[in-house]
Amino acid sequence: MESCRRTGLSGVLCSLSLLCVILDIQLDGVLGATHVEIEHHLEMGRKLLAAGQLAEALSHYHSAVEGDSKNYLTYYKRAAVFLAMGKSKSALPDLTRAIQLKPDFLAARLQRGNILLKQGNTQEAREDFEAVLQRSPEHEEAHDQLMKANELEELQEEAHAAYHQGDYSTTITVLERVIEISPWDPESRELRAECYIRMGDPQKAIQDLTPTTRLRNDNRAAFLKLSMLHYSLGEHHESLNHIRECLKLDQDDKECFSHYKQVKKLSKQLDMAEELIQEERYQDAIEKYESVMKTEPNVPYYTNLANERICFCFVKVRLANEAIDVCSEAHQRDPRNANVLRDRAEAYILNQDYEKAVEDYQEAREFDGDSNEIREGLERAQKLLKISRKRDYYKILGVSRNANKQEIIKAYRKLAQQWHPDNFQSESEKKEAEKKFIDIASAKEVLTDPEMRQKFDAGEDPLDPENQQGGGGGQQGWPFHFNPFESGGSFHFKFQYN
């Protein structure tokens, strides 16, 4: 206060003056401490960046920027970390701020121009490269990048012109160079994806669209298109994942929600159908796959899959004719499907049509030569064909391959009564009846014995002398210990129908 009186200041003004001095002293102390902290953060950021610990380095650069928002180098260094982390979109604002604080900062301008060029922004990129060349006319990199920017602009125009003319092949060729120069440009990838779709190559379209979901902040259109492409290929789980990503961005998006309901319903049906097959509930699985075809009748993949799996189920429940009908439709729709050919072959075996079974297995092997199941199935069908040309016990009794023991015995009794040798008078008729009767009895013996029947179904005749240990001799065709007809045609006997 004494100094105030000496200077002639009033009491109020003097008090304000003293307060300002005190604040200046305190502020200097705070700024001094902040400066030390900023230097610490910058040094730690540099060390961590050099060590490849990018997330930790970024954290220190965040603190440095907050501590000093006027330091262009701090923004530039943080941008460098963003770029090292592959976050070019985050780096751009920092580079722009660095240029605003220091317009002649050529390194930041060059870096921003490079990012803009990779994003396909030719005009803005060109302005940065020209600004560098204006201050440094001999700058080689800026000159080369400016040339690329000019080339990119011409290529973009050429690609769009070819696309509007319907020349998708040329568009794709031009866009290959465009994307080489500007790999972060979503528009070029989306255009090439559209060309692939129109040319019937959805897999390549998916490859181009997938990165665009990251190149745009809200790319619901890409998620929807990806979901629909995966859906058309039968990849319903992938389709469901992408459409959920769309709804995460906007749960009220009508197009995404509508498609989501369809994919979710179909995916649930398909998963349930396969679970039923795993549980061996084949009739329920057939009904579920019929529902799949009603849910999605317009995408060929799902109709083909449903027919393929229904065919498989019919074979499992041993309904041969139904299986052959469905398999034949599936084969007509998808001629190279080895699974359909395999299952139809099994249906033909159930129908005792071994030649067709062999043909289907041979064709299936052409499409899937590495399958052990198909190789073993072919061998079995060939054995059954060979046996059928000798004796087919199912045909002898006139029963189907899925006949139960009761049906087999019933057929045996009827035929045994019909062909009993005592029913015939002449020697020639009696000998023919004897042969028939032996075949009928042999068929009954094999097909009512689970072990013998299993061997026969696997392509081996258990009564064939060639298949019997210590075999040989002419009595092997008769399944019992004696042949009642050897004692002569006048021998009369009774047999039990067991």
Protein backbone atom coordinates (compact mmCIF):
# COMPACT_ATOMS: atom_id res chain seq x y z
CA MET A 1 0.00 0.00 0.00
CA GLU A 2 2.94 2.26 0.66
CA SER A 3 4.06 1.87 -2.94
CA CYS A 4 0.54 2.80 -4.08
CA ARG A 5 0.67 6.02 -2.11
CA ARG A 6 4.04 6.82 -3.60
CA THR A 7 2.67 6.35 -7.12
CA GLY A 8 -0.49 8.27 -6.37
CA LEU A 9 -2.90 5.35 -7.10
CA SER A 10 -6.25 5.16 -5.38
CA GLY A 11 -6.96 2.32 -2.94
CA VAL A 12 -9.11 0.29 -5.38
CA LEU A 13 -6.71 0.57 -8.30
CA CYS A 14 -3.80 -0.26 -6.09
CA SER A 15 -5.52 -3.44 -4.87
CA LEU A 16 -6.26 -4.54 -8.47
CA SER A 17 -2.67 -3.91 -9.47
CA LEU A 18 -1.35 -6.03 -6.62
CA LEU A 19 -3.81 -8.84 -7.50
CA CYS A 20 -2.57 -8.87 -11.11
CA VAL A 21 1.03 -9.14 -9.95
CA ILE A 22 0.17 -12.04 -7.68
CA LEU A 23 -1.75 -13.80 -10.49
CA ASP A 24 1.12 -13.28 -12.92
CA ILE A 25 3.51 -14.85 -10.45
CA GLN A 26 1.19 -17.83 -9.88
CA LEU A 27 0.52 -18.26 -13.63
CA ASP A 28 4.21 -18.27 -14.38
CA GLY A 29 4.63 -21.05 -11.85
CA VAL A 30 1.83 -23.10 -13.42
CA LEU A 31 3.10 -22.61 -16.97
CA GLY A 32 6.56 -23.55 -15.91
CA ALA A 33 5.31 -26.83 -14.39
CA THR A 34 3.17 -27.54 -17.49
CA HIS A 35 6.12 -26.99 -19.79
CA VAL A 36 8.13 -29.60 -17.88
CA GLU A 37 5.23 -32.03 -18.04
CA ILE A 38 4.76 -31.45 -21.77
CA GLU A 39 8.43 -32.14 -22.43
CA HIS A 40 8.13 -35.30 -20.35
CA HIS A 41 5.11 -36.49 -22.37
CA LEU A 42 6.86 -35.70 -25.66
CA GLU A 43 9.99 -37.58 -24.62
CA MET A 44 7.99 -40.60 -23.39
CA GLY A 45 5.92 -40.53 -26.58
CA ARG A 46 9.09 -40.57 -28.69
CA LYS A 47 10.60 -43.49 -26.78
CA LEU A 48 7.40 -45.56 -26.83
CA LEU A 49 6.90 -44.85 -30.54
CA ALA A 50 10.44 -46.04 -31.25
CA ALA A 51 9.73 -49.19 -29.20
CA GLY A 52 6.57 -49.87 -31.19
CA GLN A 53 4.27 -49.32 -28.19
CA LEU A 54 1.85 -47.22 -30.18
CA ALA A 55 -1.14 -47.08 -27.83
CA GLU A 56 1.04 -45.96 -24.93
CA ALA A 57 2.83 -43.41 -27.13
CA LEU A 58 -0.51 -42.03 -28.30
CA SER A 59 -1.64 -41.55 -24.71
CA HIS A 60 1.40 -39.36 -23.97
CA TYR A 61 0.91 -37.31 -27.15
CA HIS A 62 -2.75 -36.74 -26.16
CA SER A 63 -1.50 -35.29 -22.86
CA ALA A 64 1.07 -33.14 -24.67
CA VAL A 65 -1.58 -31.69 -27.01
CA GLU A 66 -3.90 -30.94 -24.09
CA GLY A 67 -1.06 -29.20 -22.29
CA ASP A 68 -0.03 -27.05 -25.26
CA SER A 69 -2.60 -26.59 -28.02
CA LYS A 70 -0.40 -24.06 -29.86
CA ASN A 71 2.55 -26.34 -30.59
CA TYR A 72 2.39 -27.45 -34.24
CA LEU A 73 5.06 -30.14 -33.72
CA THR A 74 2.99 -31.84 -31.03
CA TYR A 75 0.08 -32.24 -33.44
CA TYR A 76 2.44 -33.48 -36.14
CA LYS A 77 3.96 -36.09 -33.84
CA ARG A 78 0.56 -37.32 -32.73
CA ALA A 79 -0.47 -37.59 -36.38
CA ALA A 80 2.61 -39.75 -36.97
CA VAL A 81 1.42 -42.16 -34.25
CA PHE A 82 -2.08 -42.28 -35.77
CA LEU A 83 -0.54 -43.17 -39.14
CA ALA A 84 1.63 -45.85 -37.58
CA MET A 85 -1.57 -47.33 -36.10
CA GLY A 86 -3.28 -47.27 -39.50
CA LYS A 87 -5.70 -44.52 -38.47
CA SER A 88 -5.25 -42.11 -41.34
CA LYS A 89 -8.65 -40.47 -40.80
CA SER A 90 -7.61 -39.54 -37.25
CA ALA A 91 -4.25 -38.21 -38.47
CA LEU A 92 -5.79 -35.72 -40.92
CA PRO A 93 -7.21 -33.23 -38.34
CA ASP A 94 -3.86 -33.12 -36.53
CA LEU A 95 -1.95 -32.44 -39.76
CA THR A 96 -4.46 -29.76 -40.69
CA ARG A 97 -4.06 -28.12 -37.27
CA ALA A 98 -0.26 -28.25 -37.59
CA ILE A 99 -0.50 -26.49 -40.99
CA GLN A 100 -2.85 -23.86 -39.57
CA LEU A 101 -0.35 -23.09 -36.81
CA LYS A 102 2.60 -23.11 -39.25
CA PRO A 103 1.52 -22.65 -42.90
CA ASP A 104 5.07 -23.17 -44.21
CA PHE A 105 5.40 -26.56 -42.47
CA LEU A 106 6.13 -28.55 -45.65
CA ALA A 107 6.45 -31.98 -44.01
CA ALA A 108 2.88 -31.75 -42.69
CA ARG A 109 1.57 -30.54 -46.05
CA LEU A 110 3.30 -33.38 -47.88
CA GLN A 111 1.99 -35.95 -45.39
CA ARG A 112 -1.55 -34.60 -45.61
CA GLY A 113 -1.36 -34.59 -49.42
CA ASN A 114 -0.27 -38.24 -49.39
CA ILE A 115 -3.23 -39.22 -47.20
CA LEU A 116 -5.68 -37.27 -49.33
CA LEU A 117 -4.29 -38.92 -52.46
CA LYS A 118 -4.74 -42.40 -50.95
CA GLN A 119 -8.30 -41.41 -50.07
CA GLY A 120 -8.95 -40.45 -53.69
CA ASN A 121 -9.35 -36.71 -52.98
CA THR A 122 -7.34 -35.54 -55.98
CA GLN A 123 -8.17 -31.83 -55.86
CA GLU A 124 -7.25 -31.34 -52.19
CA ALA A 125 -4.15 -33.52 -52.55
CA ARG A 126 -3.02 -31.51 -55.56
CA GLU A 127 -3.34 -28.25 -53.59
CA ASP A 128 -1.00 -29.58 -50.87
CA PHE A 129 1.62 -30.83 -53.36
CA GLU A 130 1.50 -27.53 -55.25
CA ALA A 131 1.94 -25.62 -51.97
CA VAL A 132 5.08 -27.66 -51.22
CA LEU A 133 6.46 -27.08 -54.72
CA GLN A 134 5.74 -23.38 -54.49
CA ARG A 135 8.11 -23.10 -51.51
CA SER A 136 10.46 -25.89 -52.63
CA PRO A 137 10.33 -26.20 -56.48
CA GLU A 138 12.87 -29.04 -56.54
CA HIS A 139 11.02 -31.23 -54.04
CA GLU A 140 11.12 -34.63 -55.80
CA GLU A 141 8.46 -36.45 -53.77
CA ALA A 142 5.97 -33.60 -54.06
CA HIS A 143 6.53 -33.52 -57.82
CA ASP A 144 5.99 -37.30 -58.17
CA GLN A 145 2.87 -37.22 -56.03
CA LEU A 146 1.44 -34.32 -58.01
CA MET A 147 1.88 -36.41 -61.17
CA LYS A 148 0.03 -39.29 -59.49
CA ALA A 149 -2.80 -36.96 -58.47
CA ASN A 150 -3.23 -35.85 -62.08
CA GLU A 151 -3.10 -39.47 -63.28
CA LEU A 152 -5.64 -40.54 -60.67
CA GLU A 153 -8.10 -37.85 -61.71
CA GLU A 154 -7.91 -38.97 -65.35
CA LEU A 155 -8.32 -42.65 -64.38
CA GLN A 156 -11.35 -41.90 -62.21
CA GLU A 157 -13.06 -40.15 -65.12
CA GLU A 158 -12.16 -43.02 -67.46
CA ALA A 159 -13.54 -45.65 -65.05
CA HIS A 160 -16.86 -43.85 -64.60
CA ALA A 161 -17.25 -43.35 -68.35
CA ALA A 162 -16.65 -47.08 -69.02
CA TYR A 163 -19.11 -48.04 -66.26
CA HIS A 164 -21.89 -45.84 -67.64
CA GLN A 165 -21.31 -47.44 -71.06
CA GLY A 166 -21.83 -50.87 -69.50
CA ASP A 167 -18.22 -51.91 -70.15
CA TYR A 168 -17.64 -53.51 -66.75
CA SER A 169 -14.51 -55.40 -67.75
CA THR A 170 -12.74 -52.18 -68.80
CA THR A 171 -14.01 -50.44 -65.66
CA ILE A 172 -12.44 -53.14 -63.48
CA THR A 173 -9.13 -52.91 -65.36
CA VAL A 174 -8.97 -49.12 -64.93
CA LEU A 175 -10.00 -49.33 -61.27
CA GLU A 176 -7.12 -51.70 -60.52
CA ARG A 177 -4.72 -48.80 -61.11
CA VAL A 178 -7.04 -46.35 -59.34
CA ILE A 179 -7.11 -48.51 -56.20
CA GLU A 180 -3.35 -49.00 -56.41
CA ILE A 181 -2.91 -45.22 -56.12
CA SER A 182 -5.82 -44.63 -53.71
CA PRO A 183 -6.33 -47.79 -51.63
CA TRP A 184 -8.33 -45.87 -48.98
CA ASP A 185 -10.95 -44.62 -51.43
CA PRO A 186 -14.24 -46.43 -50.67
CA GLU A 187 -15.97 -45.12 -53.78
CA SER A 188 -13.56 -46.88 -56.18
CA ARG A 189 -13.92 -50.19 -54.35
CA GLU A 190 -17.71 -49.87 -54.27
CA LEU A 191 -17.76 -49.18 -58.01
CA ARG A 192 -15.56 -52.20 -58.74
CA ALA A 193 -17.75 -54.35 -56.47
CA GLU A 194 -20.80 -53.29 -58.48
CA CYS A 195 -19.01 -54.34 -61.68
CA TYR A 196 -18.21 -57.76 -60.20
CA ILE A 197 -21.87 -58.19 -59.17
CA ARG A 198 -23.06 -57.36 -62.68
CA MET A 199 -20.51 -59.82 -64.11
CA GLY A 200 -21.72 -62.58 -61.78
CA ASP A 201 -18.74 -62.75 -59.43
CA PRO A 202 -20.14 -62.07 -55.93
CA GLN A 203 -17.04 -63.40 -54.14
CA LYS A 204 -14.83 -60.66 -55.60
CA ALA A 205 -17.53 -58.11 -54.88
CA ILE A 206 -17.40 -59.18 -51.22
CA GLN A 207 -13.60 -58.75 -51.18
CA ASP A 208 -13.98 -55.15 -52.38
CA LEU A 209 -16.93 -54.19 -50.19
CA THR A 210 -15.55 -55.54 -46.91
CA PRO A 211 -12.87 -52.83 -46.41
CA THR A 212 -15.35 -50.07 -47.33
CA THR A 213 -17.21 -50.72 -44.06
CA ARG A 214 -14.11 -49.35 -42.30
CA LEU A 215 -13.31 -46.62 -44.82
CA ARG A 216 -16.66 -44.89 -44.24
CA ASN A 217 -17.91 -43.89 -40.78
CA ASP A 218 -21.50 -45.01 -41.36
CA ASN A 219 -21.60 -47.48 -44.23
CA ARG A 220 -24.93 -49.20 -43.68
CA ALA A 221 -25.36 -49.58 -47.43
CA ALA A 222 -22.18 -51.68 -47.64
CA PHE A 223 -23.20 -53.86 -44.68
CA LEU A 224 -26.60 -54.46 -46.27
CA LYS A 225 -25.08 -55.33 -49.64
CA LEU A 226 -22.51 -57.63 -48.03
CA SER A 227 -25.28 -59.39 -46.12
CA MET A 228 -27.30 -59.88 -49.29
CA LEU A 229 -24.29 -61.20 -51.21
CA HIS A 230 -23.42 -63.72 -48.50
CA TYR A 231 -27.10 -64.67 -48.36
CA SER A 232 -27.21 -65.37 -52.10
CA LEU A 233 -24.15 -67.63 -51.74
CA GLY A 234 -25.77 -69.65 -48.96
CA GLU A 235 -23.50 -68.19 -46.27
CA HIS A 236 -26.38 -67.39 -43.95
CA HIS A 237 -24.29 -67.02 -40.77
CA GLU A 238 -22.03 -64.43 -42.44
CA SER A 239 -25.11 -62.71 -43.83
CA LEU A 240 -26.58 -62.49 -40.34
CA ASN A 241 -23.36 -61.03 -38.90
CA HIS A 242 -23.21 -58.23 -41.50
CA ILE A 243 -26.87 -57.25 -41.22
CA ARG A 244 -26.46 -57.02 -37.44
CA GLU A 245 -23.59 -54.57 -37.98
CA CYS A 246 -25.94 -52.42 -40.06
CA LEU A 247 -28.51 -52.40 -37.25
CA LYS A 248 -25.82 -51.46 -34.72
CA LEU A 249 -25.34 -48.24 -36.69
CA ASP A 250 -29.10 -47.60 -36.86
CA GLN A 251 -31.57 -50.02 -35.33
CA ASP A 252 -34.43 -48.26 -37.14
CA ASP A 253 -32.98 -48.75 -40.64
CA LYS A 254 -36.00 -50.22 -42.49
CA GLU A 255 -34.09 -52.01 -45.25
CA CYS A 256 -31.62 -53.60 -42.86
CA PHE A 257 -34.32 -54.64 -40.41
CA SER A 258 -36.47 -56.20 -43.13
CA HIS A 259 -33.53 -58.24 -44.44
CA TYR A 260 -32.49 -59.13 -40.90
CA LYS A 261 -35.88 -60.75 -40.21
CA GLN A 262 -35.63 -62.86 -43.38
CA VAL A 263 -32.03 -64.00 -42.73
CA LYS A 264 -32.70 -64.75 -39.07
CA LYS A 265 -35.76 -66.89 -39.87
CA LEU A 266 -34.01 -68.87 -42.60
CA SER A 267 -30.80 -69.30 -40.61
CA LYS A 268 -32.77 -70.66 -37.64
CA GLN A 269 -34.58 -73.17 -39.87
CA LEU A 270 -31.34 -74.38 -41.48
CA ASP A 271 -29.57 -74.80 -38.15
CA MET A 272 -32.55 -76.66 -36.69
CA ALA A 273 -32.75 -78.97 -39.71
CA GLU A 274 -29.12 -79.99 -39.30
CA GLU A 275 -29.60 -80.53 -35.57
CA LEU A 276 -32.48 -82.89 -36.35
CA ILE A 277 -30.26 -84.84 -38.74
CA GLN A 278 -27.58 -85.10 -36.07
CA GLU A 279 -30.25 -86.47 -33.71
CA GLU A 280 -31.31 -88.95 -36.47
CA ARG A 281 -34.79 -87.43 -36.54
CA TYR A 282 -34.86 -87.65 -40.30
CA GLN A 283 -38.60 -87.25 -40.89
CA ASP A 284 -38.62 -84.05 -38.82
CA ALA A 285 -35.57 -82.83 -40.74
CA ILE A 286 -37.39 -83.42 -44.04
CA GLU A 287 -40.29 -81.25 -42.85
CA LYS A 288 -37.91 -78.53 -41.67
CA TYR A 289 -36.11 -78.44 -45.03
CA GLU A 290 -39.48 -78.23 -46.79
CA SER A 291 -40.09 -75.12 -44.64
CA VAL A 292 -36.73 -73.73 -45.79
CA MET A 293 -37.88 -73.92 -49.43
CA LYS A 294 -41.08 -72.06 -48.53
CA THR A 295 -39.16 -69.37 -46.61
CA GLU A 296 -36.73 -68.77 -49.49
CA PRO A 297 -38.00 -70.04 -52.85
CA ASN A 298 -36.06 -67.52 -54.95
CA VAL A 299 -32.41 -68.24 -54.09
CA PRO A 300 -31.29 -71.44 -55.89
CA TYR A 301 -28.69 -72.34 -53.27
CA TYR A 302 -31.27 -72.98 -50.54
CA THR A 303 -33.60 -75.00 -52.78
CA ASN A 304 -30.65 -77.12 -53.92
CA LEU A 305 -29.43 -77.61 -50.36
CA ALA A 306 -32.90 -78.55 -49.13
CA ASN A 307 -33.36 -81.13 -51.91
CA GLU A 308 -29.89 -82.55 -51.24
CA ARG A 309 -30.55 -82.99 -47.52
CA ILE A 310 -34.11 -84.31 -48.02
CA CYS A 311 -32.68 -86.89 -50.41
CA PHE A 312 -30.15 -87.88 -47.74
CA CYS A 313 -32.92 -88.22 -45.13
CA PHE A 314 -35.10 -90.37 -47.39
CA VAL A 315 -32.17 -92.74 -47.85
CA LYS A 316 -31.72 -92.89 -44.08
CA VAL A 317 -35.38 -93.85 -43.57
CA ARG A 318 -34.97 -96.31 -46.50
CA LEU A 319 -37.65 -94.76 -48.73
CA ALA A 320 -35.85 -95.51 -51.98
CA ASN A 321 -38.34 -94.23 -54.57
CA GLU A 322 -38.88 -90.93 -52.75
CA ALA A 323 -35.12 -90.51 -52.38
CA ILE A 324 -34.52 -91.19 -56.08
CA ASP A 325 -37.13 -88.60 -57.10
CA VAL A 326 -35.74 -85.86 -54.86
CA CYS A 327 -32.11 -86.72 -55.63
CA SER A 328 -32.80 -86.65 -59.36
CA GLU A 329 -34.31 -83.17 -59.06
CA ALA A 330 -31.33 -82.03 -57.00
CA HIS A 331 -28.93 -83.57 -59.52
CA GLN A 332 -30.66 -81.77 -62.37
CA ARG A 333 -30.27 -78.46 -60.53
CA ASP A 334 -26.67 -79.12 -59.45
CA PRO A 335 -25.08 -81.79 -61.70
CA ARG A 336 -21.65 -81.60 -60.05
CA ASN A 337 -22.86 -82.23 -56.50
CA ALA A 338 -21.07 -85.41 -55.37
CA ASN A 339 -23.24 -85.72 -52.24
CA VAL A 340 -26.42 -85.94 -54.29
CA LEU A 341 -24.90 -88.61 -56.55
CA ARG A 342 -23.72 -90.56 -53.51
CA ASP A 343 -27.15 -90.49 -51.89
CA ARG A 344 -28.96 -91.41 -55.10
CA ALA A 345 -26.55 -94.31 -55.52
CA GLU A 346 -27.56 -95.53 -52.05
CA ALA A 347 -31.23 -95.17 -53.02
CA TYR A 348 -30.59 -97.25 -56.13
CA ILE A 349 -28.95 -99.91 -53.94
CA LEU A 350 -32.09 -99.96 -51.78
CA ASN A 351 -34.03 -100.53 -55.00
CA GLN A 352 -31.56 -103.26 -56.02
CA ASP A 353 -30.64 -101.28 -59.15
CA TYR A 354 -26.92 -101.84 -58.78
CA GLU A 355 -25.87 -100.80 -62.27
CA LYS A 356 -27.27 -97.31 -61.74
CA ALA A 357 -25.73 -97.22 -58.28
CA VAL A 358 -22.30 -97.97 -59.76
CA GLU A 359 -22.82 -95.29 -62.44
CA ASP A 360 -23.72 -92.64 -59.82
CA TYR A 361 -20.78 -93.54 -57.58
CA GLN A 362 -18.39 -93.40 -60.55
CA GLU A 363 -19.72 -89.95 -61.50
CA ALA A 364 -19.49 -88.79 -57.87
CA ARG A 365 -15.85 -89.88 -57.78
CA GLU A 366 -15.12 -87.59 -60.75
CA PHE A 367 -16.23 -84.59 -58.68
CA ASP A 368 -14.77 -85.72 -55.34
CA GLY A 369 -11.95 -88.15 -55.96
CA ASP A 370 -10.53 -87.83 -52.43
CA SER A 371 -13.64 -89.03 -50.60
CA ASN A 372 -13.13 -92.37 -48.86
CA GLU A 373 -16.89 -92.66 -48.42
CA ILE A 374 -17.46 -92.46 -52.18
CA ARG A 375 -14.59 -94.85 -52.92
CA GLU A 376 -15.91 -97.42 -50.43
CA GLY A 377 -19.47 -96.94 -51.69
CA LEU A 378 -18.36 -97.60 -55.25
CA GLU A 379 -16.56 -100.78 -54.21
CA ARG A 380 -19.65 -101.98 -52.36
CA ALA A 381 -21.96 -101.19 -55.28
CA GLN A 382 -19.64 -103.06 -57.66
CA LYS A 383 -19.66 -106.10 -55.33
CA LEU A 384 -23.44 -106.01 -55.11
CA LEU A 385 -23.69 -105.79 -58.88
CA LYS A 386 -21.40 -108.78 -59.25
CA ILE A 387 -23.42 -110.78 -56.70
CA SER A 388 -26.73 -109.78 -58.27
CA ARG A 389 -25.58 -111.35 -61.50
CA LYS A 390 -25.22 -114.60 -59.54
CA ARG A 391 -27.82 -114.66 -56.77
CA ASP A 392 -29.73 -111.75 -55.27
CA TYR A 393 -31.52 -113.07 -52.21
CA TYR A 394 -33.85 -110.08 -52.04
CA LYS A 395 -34.96 -110.63 -55.62
CA ILE A 396 -35.31 -114.38 -55.06
CA LEU A 397 -37.84 -113.73 -52.29
CA GLY A 398 -39.28 -110.65 -54.02
CA VAL A 399 -38.75 -108.37 -51.03
CA SER A 400 -37.16 -104.94 -50.71
CA ARG A 401 -33.77 -104.41 -49.12
CA ASN A 402 -35.38 -102.83 -46.09
CA ALA A 403 -37.80 -105.72 -45.49
CA ASN A 404 -38.01 -106.89 -41.88
CA LYS A 405 -37.68 -110.51 -40.70
CA GLN A 406 -41.43 -111.07 -40.58
CA GLU A 407 -41.84 -109.93 -44.20
CA ILE A 408 -38.96 -112.16 -45.29
CA ILE A 409 -40.40 -115.27 -43.62
CA LYS A 410 -43.85 -114.56 -45.08
CA ALA A 411 -42.38 -114.29 -48.58
CA TYR A 412 -40.34 -117.46 -48.00
CA ARG A 413 -43.40 -119.48 -46.93
CA LYS A 414 -45.39 -118.42 -49.96
CA LEU A 415 -42.62 -119.26 -52.43
CA ALA A 416 -41.63 -122.47 -50.67
CA GLN A 417 -45.17 -123.76 -50.98
CA GLN A 418 -45.29 -122.68 -54.61
CA TRP A 419 -41.99 -124.32 -55.59
CA HIS A 420 -42.03 -127.41 -53.40
CA PRO A 421 -40.80 -130.30 -55.63
CA ASP A 422 -43.73 -132.50 -54.56
CA ASN A 423 -45.99 -130.15 -56.47
CA PHE A 424 -44.45 -131.22 -59.81
CA GLN A 425 -44.73 -134.49 -61.75
CA SER A 426 -42.19 -134.56 -64.61
CA GLU A 427 -38.49 -135.00 -63.88
CA SER A 428 -37.54 -131.76 -65.67
CA GLU A 429 -40.11 -129.73 -63.72
CA LYS A 430 -39.08 -131.40 -60.46
CA LYS A 431 -35.39 -130.54 -61.07
CA GLU A 432 -36.29 -126.93 -61.86
CA ALA A 433 -38.40 -126.80 -58.69
CA GLU A 434 -35.55 -128.27 -56.64
CA LYS A 435 -33.21 -125.51 -57.88
CA LYS A 436 -35.78 -122.81 -57.11
CA PHE A 437 -36.49 -124.31 -53.71
CA ILE A 438 -32.81 -124.36 -52.77
CA ASP A 439 -32.46 -120.70 -53.80
CA ILE A 440 -35.55 -119.76 -51.77
CA ALA A 441 -34.28 -121.60 -48.70
CA SER A 442 -30.82 -120.04 -49.12
CA ALA A 443 -32.33 -116.56 -49.35
CA LYS A 444 -34.38 -117.14 -46.22
CA GLU A 445 -31.31 -118.48 -44.36
CA VAL A 446 -29.16 -115.45 -45.25
CA LEU A 447 -31.74 -112.72 -44.80
CA THR A 448 -33.04 -113.92 -41.44
CA ASP A 449 -29.54 -114.22 -39.97
CA PRO A 450 -28.36 -110.69 -38.94
CA GLU A 451 -24.68 -111.45 -39.44
CA MET A 452 -25.13 -113.13 -42.82
CA ARG A 453 -27.50 -110.41 -43.98
CA GLN A 454 -25.02 -107.71 -42.99
CA LYS A 455 -22.32 -109.43 -45.06
CA PHE A 456 -24.65 -109.68 -48.04
CA ASP A 457 -25.66 -106.02 -47.76
CA ALA A 458 -21.96 -105.13 -47.74
CA GLY A 459 -21.48 -106.89 -51.07
CA GLU A 460 -20.40 -110.36 -49.93
CA ASP A 461 -22.40 -113.55 -50.49
CA PRO A 462 -21.95 -115.59 -47.28
CA LEU A 463 -22.98 -118.78 -49.13
CA ASP A 464 -20.58 -118.30 -52.02
CA PRO A 465 -17.91 -121.07 -51.90
CA GLU A 466 -15.26 -118.48 -52.83
CA ASN A 467 -16.03 -116.59 -49.62
CA GLN A 468 -15.93 -119.60 -47.28
CA GLN A 469 -12.90 -120.88 -45.43
CA GLY A 470 -11.92 -124.41 -46.43
CA GLY A 471 -14.65 -124.15 -49.07
CA GLY A 472 -15.07 -126.05 -52.27
CA GLY A 473 -17.49 -128.76 -53.07
CA GLY A 474 -20.82 -128.61 -54.70
CA GLN A 475 -22.96 -128.52 -51.56
CA GLN A 476 -22.08 -124.95 -50.54
CA GLY A 477 -25.17 -123.52 -52.23
CA TRP A 478 -27.41 -125.43 -49.80
CA PRO A 479 -27.51 -123.74 -46.40
CA PHE A 480 -28.17 -126.86 -44.36
CA HIS A 481 -26.15 -130.00 -43.59
CA PHE A 482 -27.73 -132.08 -46.32
CA ASN A 483 -29.46 -131.82 -49.65
CA PRO A 484 -32.76 -133.71 -49.50
CA PHE A 485 -32.95 -133.97 -53.27
CA GLU A 486 -29.82 -136.12 -53.68
CA SER A 487 -31.70 -139.32 -52.75
CA GLY A 488 -33.78 -139.10 -55.88
CA GLY A 489 -36.92 -137.62 -57.25
CA SER A 490 -39.15 -140.11 -55.44
CA PHE A 491 -38.09 -138.75 -52.02
CA HIS A 492 -40.97 -137.03 -50.24
CA PHE A 493 -40.44 -134.86 -47.17
CA LYS A 494 -41.94 -132.18 -45.02
CA PHE A 495 -40.25 -128.96 -43.93
CA GLN A 496 -41.00 -126.41 -41.31
CA TYR A 497 -41.88 -122.83 -42.27
CA ASN A 498 -39.87 -121.19 -39.55
